[in-house]
């Protein structure tokens, strides 16, 4: 049974998709190619927002990007869930600033 809220099940579904299409041996796991695909998906997310498309379209494009991110973790052989929690711990320590009327949480460098 698949747990639709489980990171492990989502990762397994993406791994199965990679295996089905033999991504490892057909260029589908080449990192520069994956970056291009993620850039394309980010552009589609942007178009959803800037062109006022419905939330279902936005959700679908975000899912595409998430699938590519999970696949990139598979291709580069790192644990995305571990990287996520390590990064959250790091950014939780950062301060926020208002910049041009919007909140920004970053590693600010005072110059």
PDB file of N, CA and C in Angstrom:
ATOM      1  N   UNK A   1       0.839  -1.190   0.000  1.00  0.00           N
ATOM      2  CA  UNK A   1       0.000   0.000   0.000  1.00  0.00           C
ATOM      3  C   UNK A   1       0.881   1.249   0.000  1.00  0.00           C
ATOM      4  N   UNK A   2       0.531   2.205  -0.815  1.00  0.00           N
ATOM      5  CA  UNK A   2       1.289   3.445  -0.923  1.00  0.00           C
ATOM      6  C   UNK A   2       0.716   4.490   0.036  1.00  0.00           C
ATOM      7  N   UNK A   3       1.600   5.146   0.766  1.00  0.00           N
ATOM      8  CA  UNK A   3       1.215   6.244   1.639  1.00  0.00           C
ATOM      9  C   UNK A   3       1.463   7.531   0.866  1.00  0.00           C
ATOM     10  N   UNK A   4       0.401   8.181   0.433  1.00  0.00           N
ATOM     11  CA  UNK A   4       0.535   9.362  -0.426  1.00  0.00           C
ATOM     12  C   UNK A   4       1.204  10.539   0.279  1.00  0.00           C
ATOM     13  N   UNK A   5       1.381  10.462   1.605  1.00  0.00           N
ATOM     14  CA  UNK A   5       2.071  11.513   2.342  1.00  0.00           C
ATOM     15  C   UNK A   5       3.510  11.143   2.680  1.00  0.00           C
ATOM     16  N   UNK A   6       3.961   9.992   2.227  1.00  0.00           N
ATOM     17  CA  UNK A   6       5.281   9.497   2.589  1.00  0.00           C
ATOM     18  C   UNK A   6       6.343   9.928   1.581  1.00  0.00           C
ATOM     19  N   UNK A   7       7.389  10.571   2.087  1.00  0.00           N
ATOM     20  CA  UNK A   7       8.522  10.934   1.237  1.00  0.00           C
ATOM     21  C   UNK A   7       9.112   9.683   0.601  1.00  0.00           C
ATOM     22  N   UNK A   8       9.270   8.626   1.363  1.00  0.00           N
ATOM     23  CA  UNK A   8       9.864   7.392   0.844  1.00  0.00           C
ATOM     24  C   UNK A   8       9.043   6.816  -0.309  1.00  0.00           C
ATOM     25  N   UNK A   9       7.725   6.870  -0.201  1.00  0.00           N
ATOM     26  CA  UNK A   9       6.879   6.362  -1.282  1.00  0.00           C
ATOM     27  C   UNK A   9       6.975   7.247  -2.529  1.00  0.00           C
ATOM     28  N   UNK A  10       7.066   8.560  -2.326  1.00  0.00           N
ATOM     29  CA  UNK A  10       7.242   9.451  -3.480  1.00  0.00           C
ATOM     30  C   UNK A  10       8.581   9.174  -4.159  1.00  0.00           C
ATOM     31  N   UNK A  11       9.628   9.021  -3.362  1.00  0.00           N
ATOM     32  CA  UNK A  11      10.954   8.726  -3.901  1.00  0.00           C
ATOM     33  C   UNK A  11      10.938   7.393  -4.647  1.00  0.00           C
ATOM     34  N   UNK A  12      10.268   6.405  -4.087  1.00  0.00           N
ATOM     35  CA  UNK A  12      10.182   5.091  -4.748  1.00  0.00           C
ATOM     36  C   UNK A  12       9.430   5.197  -6.074  1.00  0.00           C
ATOM     37  N   UNK A  13       8.387   6.018  -6.128  1.00  0.00           N
ATOM     38  CA  UNK A  13       7.635   6.203  -7.379  1.00  0.00           C
ATOM     39  C   UNK A  13       8.516   6.835  -8.448  1.00  0.00           C
ATOM     40  N   UNK A  14       9.318   7.835  -8.060  1.00  0.00           N
ATOM     41  CA  UNK A  14      10.217   8.479  -9.024  1.00  0.00           C
ATOM     42  C   UNK A  14      11.311   7.503  -9.455  1.00  0.00           C
ATOM     43  N   UNK A  15      11.838   6.720  -8.508  1.00  0.00           N
ATOM     44  CA  UNK A  15      12.847   5.710  -8.857  1.00  0.00           C
ATOM     45  C   UNK A  15      12.264   4.711  -9.851  1.00  0.00           C
ATOM     46  N   UNK A  16      11.040   4.282  -9.633  1.00  0.00           N
ATOM     47  CA  UNK A  16      10.372   3.349 -10.539  1.00  0.00           C
ATOM     48  C   UNK A  16      10.228   3.953 -11.935  1.00  0.00           C
ATOM     49  N   UNK A  17       9.893   5.240 -11.987  1.00  0.00           N
ATOM     50  CA  UNK A  17       9.778   5.942 -13.268  1.00  0.00           C
ATOM     51  C   UNK A  17      11.129   5.986 -13.981  1.00  0.00           C
ATOM     52  N   UNK A  18      12.198   6.285 -13.221  1.00  0.00           N
ATOM     53  CA  UNK A  18      13.554   6.291 -13.792  1.00  0.00           C
ATOM     54  C   UNK A  18      13.912   4.904 -14.335  1.00  0.00           C
ATOM     55  N   UNK A  19      13.606   3.879 -13.545  1.00  0.00           N
ATOM     56  CA  UNK A  19      13.908   2.511 -13.968  1.00  0.00           C
ATOM     57  C   UNK A  19      13.117   2.126 -15.209  1.00  0.00           C
ATOM     58  N   UNK A  20      11.849   2.460 -15.235  1.00  0.00           N
ATOM     59  CA  UNK A  20      10.970   2.125 -16.366  1.00  0.00           C
ATOM     60  C   UNK A  20      11.520   2.663 -17.675  1.00  0.00           C
ATOM     61  N   UNK A  21      12.077   3.884 -17.633  1.00  0.00           N
ATOM     62  CA  UNK A  21      12.579   4.533 -18.839  1.00  0.00           C
ATOM     63  C   UNK A  21      14.099   4.456 -18.959  1.00  0.00           C
ATOM     64  N   UNK A  22      14.736   3.684 -18.074  1.00  0.00           N
ATOM     65  CA  UNK A  22      16.182   3.465 -18.084  1.00  0.00           C
ATOM     66  C   UNK A  22      16.966   4.777 -18.131  1.00  0.00           C
ATOM     67  N   UNK A  23      16.545   5.728 -17.303  1.00  0.00           N
ATOM     68  CA  UNK A  23      17.195   7.042 -17.273  1.00  0.00           C
ATOM     69  C   UNK A  23      18.702   6.943 -17.045  1.00  0.00           C
ATOM     70  N   UNK A  24      19.121   6.020 -16.188  1.00  0.00           N
ATOM     71  CA  UNK A  24      20.545   5.910 -15.843  1.00  0.00           C
ATOM     72  C   UNK A  24      21.406   5.664 -17.088  1.00  0.00           C
ATOM     73  N   UNK A  25      20.876   4.905 -18.051  1.00  0.00           N
ATOM     74  CA  UNK A  25      21.662   4.526 -19.231  1.00  0.00           C
ATOM     75  C   UNK A  25      21.283   5.275 -20.502  1.00  0.00           C
ATOM     76  N   UNK A  26      20.336   6.211 -20.395  1.00  0.00           N
ATOM     77  CA  UNK A  26      19.879   6.902 -21.602  1.00  0.00           C
ATOM     78  C   UNK A  26      19.964   8.426 -21.483  1.00  0.00           C
ATOM     79  N   UNK A  27      20.761   8.917 -20.530  1.00  0.00           N
ATOM     80  CA  UNK A  27      20.975  10.355 -20.396  1.00  0.00           C
ATOM     81  C   UNK A  27      19.990  11.081 -19.508  1.00  0.00           C
ATOM     82  N   UNK A  28      18.973  10.377 -19.023  1.00  0.00           N
ATOM     83  CA  UNK A  28      17.959  11.026 -18.204  1.00  0.00           C
ATOM     84  C   UNK A  28      18.435  11.438 -16.827  1.00  0.00           C
ATOM     85  N   UNK A  29      19.562  10.912 -16.390  1.00  0.00           N
ATOM     86  CA  UNK A  29      20.099  11.282 -15.088  1.00  0.00           C
ATOM     87  C   UNK A  29      21.319  12.202 -15.200  1.00  0.00           C
ATOM     88  N   UNK A  30      21.610  12.677 -16.397  1.00  0.00           N
ATOM     89  CA  UNK A  30      22.729  13.600 -16.591  1.00  0.00           C
ATOM     90  C   UNK A  30      22.351  14.939 -15.952  1.00  0.00           C
ATOM     91  N   UNK A  31      23.190  15.437 -15.061  1.00  0.00           N
ATOM     92  CA  UNK A  31      22.814  16.563 -14.217  1.00  0.00           C
ATOM     93  C   UNK A  31      22.579  17.864 -14.984  1.00  0.00           C
ATOM     94  N   UNK A  32      23.385  18.180 -15.976  1.00  0.00           N
ATOM     95  CA  UNK A  32      23.162  19.413 -16.737  1.00  0.00           C
ATOM     96  C   UNK A  32      21.810  19.368 -17.456  1.00  0.00           C
ATOM     97  N   UNK A  33      21.453  18.204 -17.976  1.00  0.00           N
ATOM     98  CA  UNK A  33      20.151  18.014 -18.615  1.00  0.00           C
ATOM     99  C   UNK A  33      19.023  18.224 -17.610  1.00  0.00           C
ATOM    100  N   UNK A  34      19.200  17.695 -16.408  1.00  0.00           N
ATOM    101  CA  UNK A  34      18.182  17.833 -15.370  1.00  0.00           C
ATOM    102  C   UNK A  34      18.020  19.294 -14.963  1.00  0.00           C
ATOM    103  N   UNK A  35      19.122  20.044 -14.917  1.00  0.00           N
ATOM    104  CA  UNK A  35      19.054  21.477 -14.602  1.00  0.00           C
ATOM    105  C   UNK A  35      18.218  22.200 -15.663  1.00  0.00           C
ATOM    106  N   UNK A  36      18.433  21.859 -16.917  1.00  0.00           N
ATOM    107  CA  UNK A  36      17.651  22.472 -18.000  1.00  0.00           C
ATOM    108  C   UNK A  36      16.163  22.158 -17.836  1.00  0.00           C
ATOM    109  N   UNK A  37      15.853  20.917 -17.475  1.00  0.00           N
ATOM    110  CA  UNK A  37      14.452  20.544 -17.283  1.00  0.00           C
ATOM    111  C   UNK A  37      13.837  21.296 -16.096  1.00  0.00           C
ATOM    112  N   UNK A  38      14.601  21.443 -15.017  1.00  0.00           N
ATOM    113  CA  UNK A  38      14.088  22.176 -13.854  1.00  0.00           C
ATOM    114  C   UNK A  38      13.881  23.649 -14.184  1.00  0.00           C
ATOM    115  N   UNK A  39      14.778  24.211 -14.983  1.00  0.00           N
ATOM    116  CA  UNK A  39      14.631  25.600 -15.416  1.00  0.00           C
ATOM    117  C   UNK A  39      13.352  25.769 -16.232  1.00  0.00           C
ATOM    118  N   UNK A  40      13.101  24.812 -17.121  1.00  0.00           N
ATOM    119  CA  UNK A  40      11.884  24.836 -17.925  1.00  0.00           C
ATOM    120  C   UNK A  40      10.641  24.787 -17.036  1.00  0.00           C
ATOM    121  N   UNK A  41      10.653  23.914 -16.051  1.00  0.00           N
ATOM    122  CA  UNK A  41       9.502  23.800 -15.147  1.00  0.00           C
ATOM    123  C   UNK A  41       9.316  25.061 -14.322  1.00  0.00           C
ATOM    124  N   UNK A  42      10.409  25.671 -13.879  1.00  0.00           N
ATOM    125  CA  UNK A  42      10.306  26.913 -13.124  1.00  0.00           C
ATOM    126  C   UNK A  42       9.684  28.004 -13.989  1.00  0.00           C
ATOM    127  N   UNK A  43      10.030  28.029 -15.266  1.00  0.00           N
ATOM    128  CA  UNK A  43       9.407  28.969 -16.197  1.00  0.00           C
ATOM    129  C   UNK A  43       7.909  28.724 -16.319  1.00  0.00           C
ATOM    130  N   UNK A  44       7.500  27.460 -16.308  1.00  0.00           N
ATOM    131  CA  UNK A  44       6.080  27.138 -16.386  1.00  0.00           C
ATOM    132  C   UNK A  44       5.357  27.540 -15.103  1.00  0.00           C
ATOM    133  N   UNK A  45       6.021  27.412 -13.962  1.00  0.00           N
ATOM    134  CA  UNK A  45       5.451  27.884 -12.700  1.00  0.00           C
ATOM    135  C   UNK A  45       5.272  29.393 -12.766  1.00  0.00           C
ATOM    136  N   UNK A  46       6.290  30.085 -13.244  1.00  0.00           N
ATOM    137  CA  UNK A  46       6.226  31.533 -13.391  1.00  0.00           C
ATOM    138  C   UNK A  46       5.070  31.946 -14.294  1.00  0.00           C
ATOM    139  N   UNK A  47       4.901  31.238 -15.390  1.00  0.00           N
ATOM    140  CA  UNK A  47       3.807  31.557 -16.317  1.00  0.00           C
ATOM    141  C   UNK A  47       2.451  31.365 -15.650  1.00  0.00           C
ATOM    142  N   UNK A  48       2.316  30.360 -14.816  1.00  0.00           N
ATOM    143  CA  UNK A  48       1.053  30.161 -14.097  1.00  0.00           C
ATOM    144  C   UNK A  48       0.718  31.374 -13.245  1.00  0.00           C
ATOM    145  N   UNK A  49       1.717  31.889 -12.567  1.00  0.00           N
ATOM    146  CA  UNK A  49       1.502  33.028 -11.670  1.00  0.00           C
ATOM    147  C   UNK A  49       1.294  34.314 -12.466  1.00  0.00           C
ATOM    148  N   UNK A  50       2.184  34.597 -13.402  1.00  0.00           N
ATOM    149  CA  UNK A  50       2.115  35.875 -14.113  1.00  0.00           C
ATOM    150  C   UNK A  50       0.956  35.956 -15.093  1.00  0.00           C
ATOM    151  N   UNK A  51       0.476  34.813 -15.557  1.00  0.00           N
ATOM    152  CA  UNK A  51      -0.646  34.808 -16.498  1.00  0.00           C
ATOM    153  C   UNK A  51      -1.975  34.494 -15.820  1.00  0.00           C
ATOM    154  N   UNK A  52      -1.948  34.397 -14.480  1.00  0.00           N
ATOM    155  CA  UNK A  52      -3.181  34.214 -13.728  1.00  0.00           C
ATOM    156  C   UNK A  52      -3.875  32.881 -13.956  1.00  0.00           C
ATOM    157  N   UNK A  53      -3.085  31.842 -14.217  1.00  0.00           N
ATOM    158  CA  UNK A  53      -3.699  30.517 -14.408  1.00  0.00           C
ATOM    159  C   UNK A  53      -4.247  30.004 -13.082  1.00  0.00           C
ATOM    160  N   UNK A  54      -5.101  29.003 -13.160  1.00  0.00           N
ATOM    161  CA  UNK A  54      -5.745  28.487 -11.953  1.00  0.00           C
ATOM    162  C   UNK A  54      -4.757  27.728 -11.072  1.00  0.00           C
ATOM    163  N   UNK A  55      -5.173  27.533  -9.824  1.00  0.00           N
ATOM    164  CA  UNK A  55      -4.303  26.906  -8.834  1.00  0.00           C
ATOM    165  C   UNK A  55      -4.002  25.446  -9.201  1.00  0.00           C
ATOM    166  N   UNK A  56      -4.900  24.790  -9.911  1.00  0.00           N
ATOM    167  CA  UNK A  56      -4.646  23.411 -10.333  1.00  0.00           C
ATOM    168  C   UNK A  56      -3.465  23.350 -11.298  1.00  0.00           C
ATOM    169  N   UNK A  57      -3.379  24.323 -12.203  1.00  0.00           N
ATOM    170  CA  UNK A  57      -2.244  24.385 -13.130  1.00  0.00           C
ATOM    171  C   UNK A  57      -0.944  24.657 -12.380  1.00  0.00           C
ATOM    172  N   UNK A  58      -1.004  25.571 -11.430  1.00  0.00           N
ATOM    173  CA  UNK A  58       0.177  25.867 -10.605  1.00  0.00           C
ATOM    174  C   UNK A  58       0.615  24.626  -9.836  1.00  0.00           C
ATOM    175  N   UNK A  59      -0.334  23.917  -9.245  1.00  0.00           N
ATOM    176  CA  UNK A  59      -0.013  22.710  -8.483  1.00  0.00           C
ATOM    177  C   UNK A  59       0.639  21.655  -9.379  1.00  0.00           C
ATOM    178  N   UNK A  60       0.128  21.496 -10.598  1.00  0.00           N
ATOM    179  CA  UNK A  60       0.693  20.503 -11.525  1.00  0.00           C
ATOM    180  C   UNK A  60       2.132  20.851 -11.885  1.00  0.00           C
ATOM    181  N   UNK A  61       2.399  22.122 -12.154  1.00  0.00           N
ATOM    182  CA  UNK A  61       3.763  22.534 -12.507  1.00  0.00           C
ATOM    183  C   UNK A  61       4.702  22.399 -11.309  1.00  0.00           C
ATOM    184  N   UNK A  62       4.215  22.698 -10.102  1.00  0.00           N
ATOM    185  CA  UNK A  62       5.039  22.506  -8.903  1.00  0.00           C
ATOM    186  C   UNK A  62       5.339  21.027  -8.701  1.00  0.00           C
ATOM    187  N   UNK A  63       4.361  20.170  -8.974  1.00  0.00           N
ATOM    188  CA  UNK A  63       4.586  18.721  -8.872  1.00  0.00           C
ATOM    189  C   UNK A  63       5.646  18.273  -9.870  1.00  0.00           C
ATOM    190  N   UNK A  64       5.606  18.817 -11.091  1.00  0.00           N
ATOM    191  CA  UNK A  64       6.640  18.492 -12.075  1.00  0.00           C
ATOM    192  C   UNK A  64       8.025  18.828 -11.539  1.00  0.00           C
ATOM    193  N   UNK A  65       8.142  20.013 -10.939  1.00  0.00           N
ATOM    194  CA  UNK A  65       9.436  20.421 -10.397  1.00  0.00           C
ATOM    195  C   UNK A  65       9.853  19.524  -9.235  1.00  0.00           C
ATOM    196  N   UNK A  66       8.903  19.159  -8.395  1.00  0.00           N
ATOM    197  CA  UNK A  66       9.222  18.276  -7.270  1.00  0.00           C
ATOM    198  C   UNK A  66       9.696  16.908  -7.757  1.00  0.00           C
ATOM    199  N   UNK A  67       9.057  16.383  -8.776  1.00  0.00           N
ATOM    200  CA  UNK A  67       9.467  15.100  -9.351  1.00  0.00           C
ATOM    201  C   UNK A  67      10.895  15.201  -9.896  1.00  0.00           C
ATOM    202  N   UNK A  68      11.197  16.307 -10.552  1.00  0.00           N
ATOM    203  CA  UNK A  68      12.555  16.510 -11.067  1.00  0.00           C
ATOM    204  C   UNK A  68      13.566  16.645  -9.929  1.00  0.00           C
ATOM    205  N   UNK A  69      13.190  17.320  -8.854  1.00  0.00           N
ATOM    206  CA  UNK A  69      14.090  17.442  -7.703  1.00  0.00           C
ATOM    207  C   UNK A  69      14.365  16.079  -7.070  1.00  0.00           C
ATOM    208  N   UNK A  70      13.327  15.283  -6.885  1.00  0.00           N
ATOM    209  CA  UNK A  70      13.516  13.938  -6.345  1.00  0.00           C
ATOM    210  C   UNK A  70      14.394  13.109  -7.279  1.00  0.00           C
ATOM    211  N   UNK A  71      14.164  13.233  -8.577  1.00  0.00           N
ATOM    212  CA  UNK A  71      14.962  12.504  -9.556  1.00  0.00           C
ATOM    213  C   UNK A  71      16.414  12.952  -9.572  1.00  0.00           C
ATOM    214  N   UNK A  72      16.643  14.226  -9.305  1.00  0.00           N
ATOM    215  CA  UNK A  72      18.011  14.733  -9.251  1.00  0.00           C
ATOM    216  C   UNK A  72      18.737  14.154  -8.043  1.00  0.00           C
ATOM    217  N   UNK A  73      18.034  14.012  -6.934  1.00  0.00           N
ATOM    218  CA  UNK A  73      18.635  13.372  -5.756  1.00  0.00           C
ATOM    219  C   UNK A  73      18.992  11.921  -6.070  1.00  0.00           C
ATOM    220  N   UNK A  74      18.136  11.256  -6.824  1.00  0.00           N
ATOM    221  CA  UNK A  74      18.430   9.883  -7.245  1.00  0.00           C
ATOM    222  C   UNK A  74      19.659   9.868  -8.150  1.00  0.00           C
ATOM    223  N   UNK A  75      19.660  10.746  -9.155  1.00  0.00           N
ATOM    224  CA  UNK A  75      20.743  10.783 -10.145  1.00  0.00           C
ATOM    225  C   UNK A  75      22.093  11.121  -9.510  1.00  0.00           C
ATOM    226  N   UNK A  76      22.092  12.053  -8.551  1.00  0.00           N
ATOM    227  CA  UNK A  76      23.347  12.481  -7.928  1.00  0.00           C
ATOM    228  C   UNK A  76      23.670  11.681  -6.670  1.00  0.00           C
ATOM    229  N   UNK A  77      22.781  10.770  -6.301  1.00  0.00           N
ATOM    230  CA  UNK A  77      22.979   9.871  -5.178  1.00  0.00           C
ATOM    231  C   UNK A  77      23.182  10.611  -3.858  1.00  0.00           C
ATOM    232  N   UNK A  78      22.211  11.470  -3.525  1.00  0.00           N
ATOM    233  CA  UNK A  78      22.202  12.083  -2.201  1.00  0.00           C
ATOM    234  C   UNK A  78      20.803  11.973  -1.614  1.00  0.00           C
ATOM    235  N   UNK A  79      20.729  12.102  -0.310  1.00  0.00           N
ATOM    236  CA  UNK A  79      19.451  11.973   0.394  1.00  0.00           C
ATOM    237  C   UNK A  79      18.825  13.354   0.537  1.00  0.00           C
ATOM    238  N   UNK A  80      17.843  13.626  -0.304  1.00  0.00           N
ATOM    239  CA  UNK A  80      17.202  14.937  -0.320  1.00  0.00           C
ATOM    240  C   UNK A  80      16.520  15.240   1.007  1.00  0.00           C
ATOM    241  N   UNK A  81      15.938  14.251   1.650  1.00  0.00           N
ATOM    242  CA  UNK A  81      15.288  14.507   2.929  1.00  0.00           C
ATOM    243  C   UNK A  81      16.306  14.955   3.983  1.00  0.00           C
ATOM    244  N   UNK A  82      17.476  14.336   4.007  1.00  0.00           N
ATOM    245  CA  UNK A  82      18.527  14.773   4.935  1.00  0.00           C
ATOM    246  C   UNK A  82      18.992  16.186   4.600  1.00  0.00           C
ATOM    247  N   UNK A  83      19.168  16.462   3.317  1.00  0.00           N
ATOM    248  CA  UNK A  83      19.594  17.804   2.894  1.00  0.00           C
ATOM    249  C   UNK A  83      18.536  18.847   3.266  1.00  0.00           C
ATOM    250  N   UNK A  84      17.259  18.488   3.108  1.00  0.00           N
ATOM    251  CA  UNK A  84      16.164  19.395   3.459  1.00  0.00           C
ATOM    252  C   UNK A  84      16.237  19.777   4.935  1.00  0.00           C
ATOM    253  N   UNK A  85      16.326  18.764   5.812  1.00  0.00           N
ATOM    254  CA  UNK A  85      16.315  19.050   7.245  1.00  0.00           C
ATOM    255  C   UNK A  85      17.576  19.785   7.687  1.00  0.00           C
ATOM    256  N   UNK A  86      18.707  19.490   7.092  1.00  0.00           N
ATOM    257  CA  UNK A  86      19.947  20.218   7.416  1.00  0.00           C
ATOM    258  C   UNK A  86      19.814  21.680   7.011  1.00  0.00           C
ATOM    259  N   UNK A  87      19.231  21.920   5.849  1.00  0.00           N
ATOM    260  CA  UNK A  87      19.056  23.300   5.379  1.00  0.00           C
ATOM    261  C   UNK A  87      18.031  24.040   6.236  1.00  0.00           C
ATOM    262  N   UNK A  88      16.932  23.368   6.615  1.00  0.00           N
ATOM    263  CA  UNK A  88      15.935  24.017   7.476  1.00  0.00           C
ATOM    264  C   UNK A  88      16.564  24.434   8.801  1.00  0.00           C
ATOM    265  N   UNK A  89      17.382  23.559   9.357  1.00  0.00           N
ATOM    266  CA  UNK A  89      18.048  23.892  10.614  1.00  0.00           C
ATOM    267  C   UNK A  89      18.926  25.136  10.440  1.00  0.00           C
ATOM    268  N   UNK A  90      19.600  25.212   9.315  1.00  0.00           N
ATOM    269  CA  UNK A  90      20.481  26.347   9.031  1.00  0.00           C
ATOM    270  C   UNK A  90      19.692  27.641   8.854  1.00  0.00           C
ATOM    271  N   UNK A  91      18.626  27.596   8.050  1.00  0.00           N
ATOM    272  CA  UNK A  91      17.901  28.843   7.774  1.00  0.00           C
ATOM    273  C   UNK A  91      17.037  29.294   8.948  1.00  0.00           C
ATOM    274  N   UNK A  92      16.693  28.370   9.837  1.00  0.00           N
ATOM    275  CA  UNK A  92      15.953  28.753  11.040  1.00  0.00           C
ATOM    276  C   UNK A  92      16.775  29.703  11.918  1.00  0.00           C
ATOM    277  N   UNK A  93      18.096  29.673  11.773  1.00  0.00           N
ATOM    278  CA  UNK A  93      18.974  30.529  12.567  1.00  0.00           C
ATOM    279  C   UNK A  93      19.149  31.924  11.955  1.00  0.00           C
ATOM    280  N   UNK A  94      18.674  32.114  10.746  1.00  0.00           N
ATOM    281  CA  UNK A  94      18.876  33.397  10.050  1.00  0.00           C
ATOM    282  C   UNK A  94      17.874  34.450  10.506  1.00  0.00           C
ATOM    283  N   UNK A  95      18.276  35.679  10.370  1.00  0.00           N
ATOM    284  CA  UNK A  95      17.402  36.813  10.652  1.00  0.00           C
ATOM    285  C   UNK A  95      16.715  37.232   9.363  1.00  0.00           C
ATOM    286  N   UNK A  96      15.617  37.922   9.520  1.00  0.00           N
ATOM    287  CA  UNK A  96      14.894  38.413   8.352  1.00  0.00           C
ATOM    288  C   UNK A  96      15.023  39.930   8.262  1.00  0.00           C
ATOM    289  N   UNK A  97      14.832  40.433   7.053  1.00  0.00           N
ATOM    290  CA  UNK A  97      14.828  41.873   6.794  1.00  0.00           C
ATOM    291  C   UNK A  97      13.722  42.177   5.799  1.00  0.00           C
ATOM    292  N   UNK A  98      13.220  43.371   5.891  1.00  0.00           N
ATOM    293  CA  UNK A  98      12.280  43.855   4.887  1.00  0.00           C
ATOM    294  C   UNK A  98      13.109  44.533   3.801  1.00  0.00           C
ATOM    295  N   UNK A  99      12.938  44.083   2.580  1.00  0.00           N
ATOM    296  CA  UNK A  99      13.652  44.662   1.446  1.00  0.00           C
ATOM    297  C   UNK A  99      12.612  44.978   0.374  1.00  0.00           C
ATOM    298  N   UNK A 100      12.522  46.247   0.029  1.00  0.00           N
ATOM    299  CA  UNK A 100      11.537  46.704  -0.960  1.00  0.00           C
ATOM    300  C   UNK A 100      10.123  46.240  -0.612  1.00  0.00           C
ATOM    301  N   UNK A 101       9.799  46.289   0.693  1.00  0.00           N
ATOM    302  CA  UNK A 101       8.450  45.965   1.142  1.00  0.00           C
ATOM    303  C   UNK A 101       8.135  44.487   1.242  1.00  0.00           C
ATOM    304  N   UNK A 102       9.153  43.634   1.106  1.00  0.00           N
ATOM    305  CA  UNK A 102       8.928  42.185   1.189  1.00  0.00           C
ATOM    306  C   UNK A 102       9.935  41.571   2.153  1.00  0.00           C
ATOM    307  N   UNK A 103       9.473  40.557   2.869  1.00  0.00           N
ATOM    308  CA  UNK A 103      10.351  39.877   3.823  1.00  0.00           C
ATOM    309  C   UNK A 103      11.404  39.057   3.098  1.00  0.00           C
ATOM    310  N   UNK A 104      12.588  39.069   3.626  1.00  0.00           N
ATOM    311  CA  UNK A 104      13.686  38.291   3.050  1.00  0.00           C
ATOM    312  C   UNK A 104      14.457  37.645   4.183  1.00  0.00           C
ATOM    313  N   UNK A 105      14.670  36.336   4.090  1.00  0.00           N
ATOM    314  CA  UNK A 105      15.468  35.602   5.062  1.00  0.00           C
ATOM    315  C   UNK A 105      16.653  35.058   4.302  1.00  0.00           C
ATOM    316  N   UNK A 106      17.838  35.569   4.636  1.00  0.00           N
ATOM    317  CA  UNK A 106      19.020  35.225   3.873  1.00  0.00           C
ATOM    318  C   UNK A 106      20.246  35.364   4.748  1.00  0.00           C
ATOM    319  N   UNK A 107      21.385  34.984   4.190  1.00  0.00           N
ATOM    320  CA  UNK A 107      22.667  35.267   4.857  1.00  0.00           C
ATOM    321  C   UNK A 107      23.075  36.649   4.407  1.00  0.00           C
ATOM    322  N   UNK A 108      22.689  37.648   5.186  1.00  0.00           N
ATOM    323  CA  UNK A 108      23.001  39.021   4.823  1.00  0.00           C
ATOM    324  C   UNK A 108      24.448  39.324   5.133  1.00  0.00           C
ATOM    325  N   UNK A 109      25.096  39.979   4.226  1.00  0.00           N
ATOM    326  CA  UNK A 109      26.474  40.407   4.435  1.00  0.00           C
ATOM    327  C   UNK A 109      26.482  41.931   4.443  1.00  0.00           C
ATOM    328  N   UNK A 110      26.804  42.461   5.573  1.00  0.00           N
ATOM    329  CA  UNK A 110      26.876  43.929   5.682  1.00  0.00           C
ATOM    330  C   UNK A 110      28.164  44.408   5.044  1.00  0.00           C
ATOM    331  N   UNK A 111      28.016  45.314   4.097  1.00  0.00           N
ATOM    332  CA  UNK A 111      29.202  45.836   3.415  1.00  0.00           C
ATOM    333  C   UNK A 111      29.391  47.298   3.705  1.00  0.00           C
TER     334      UNK A 111
END
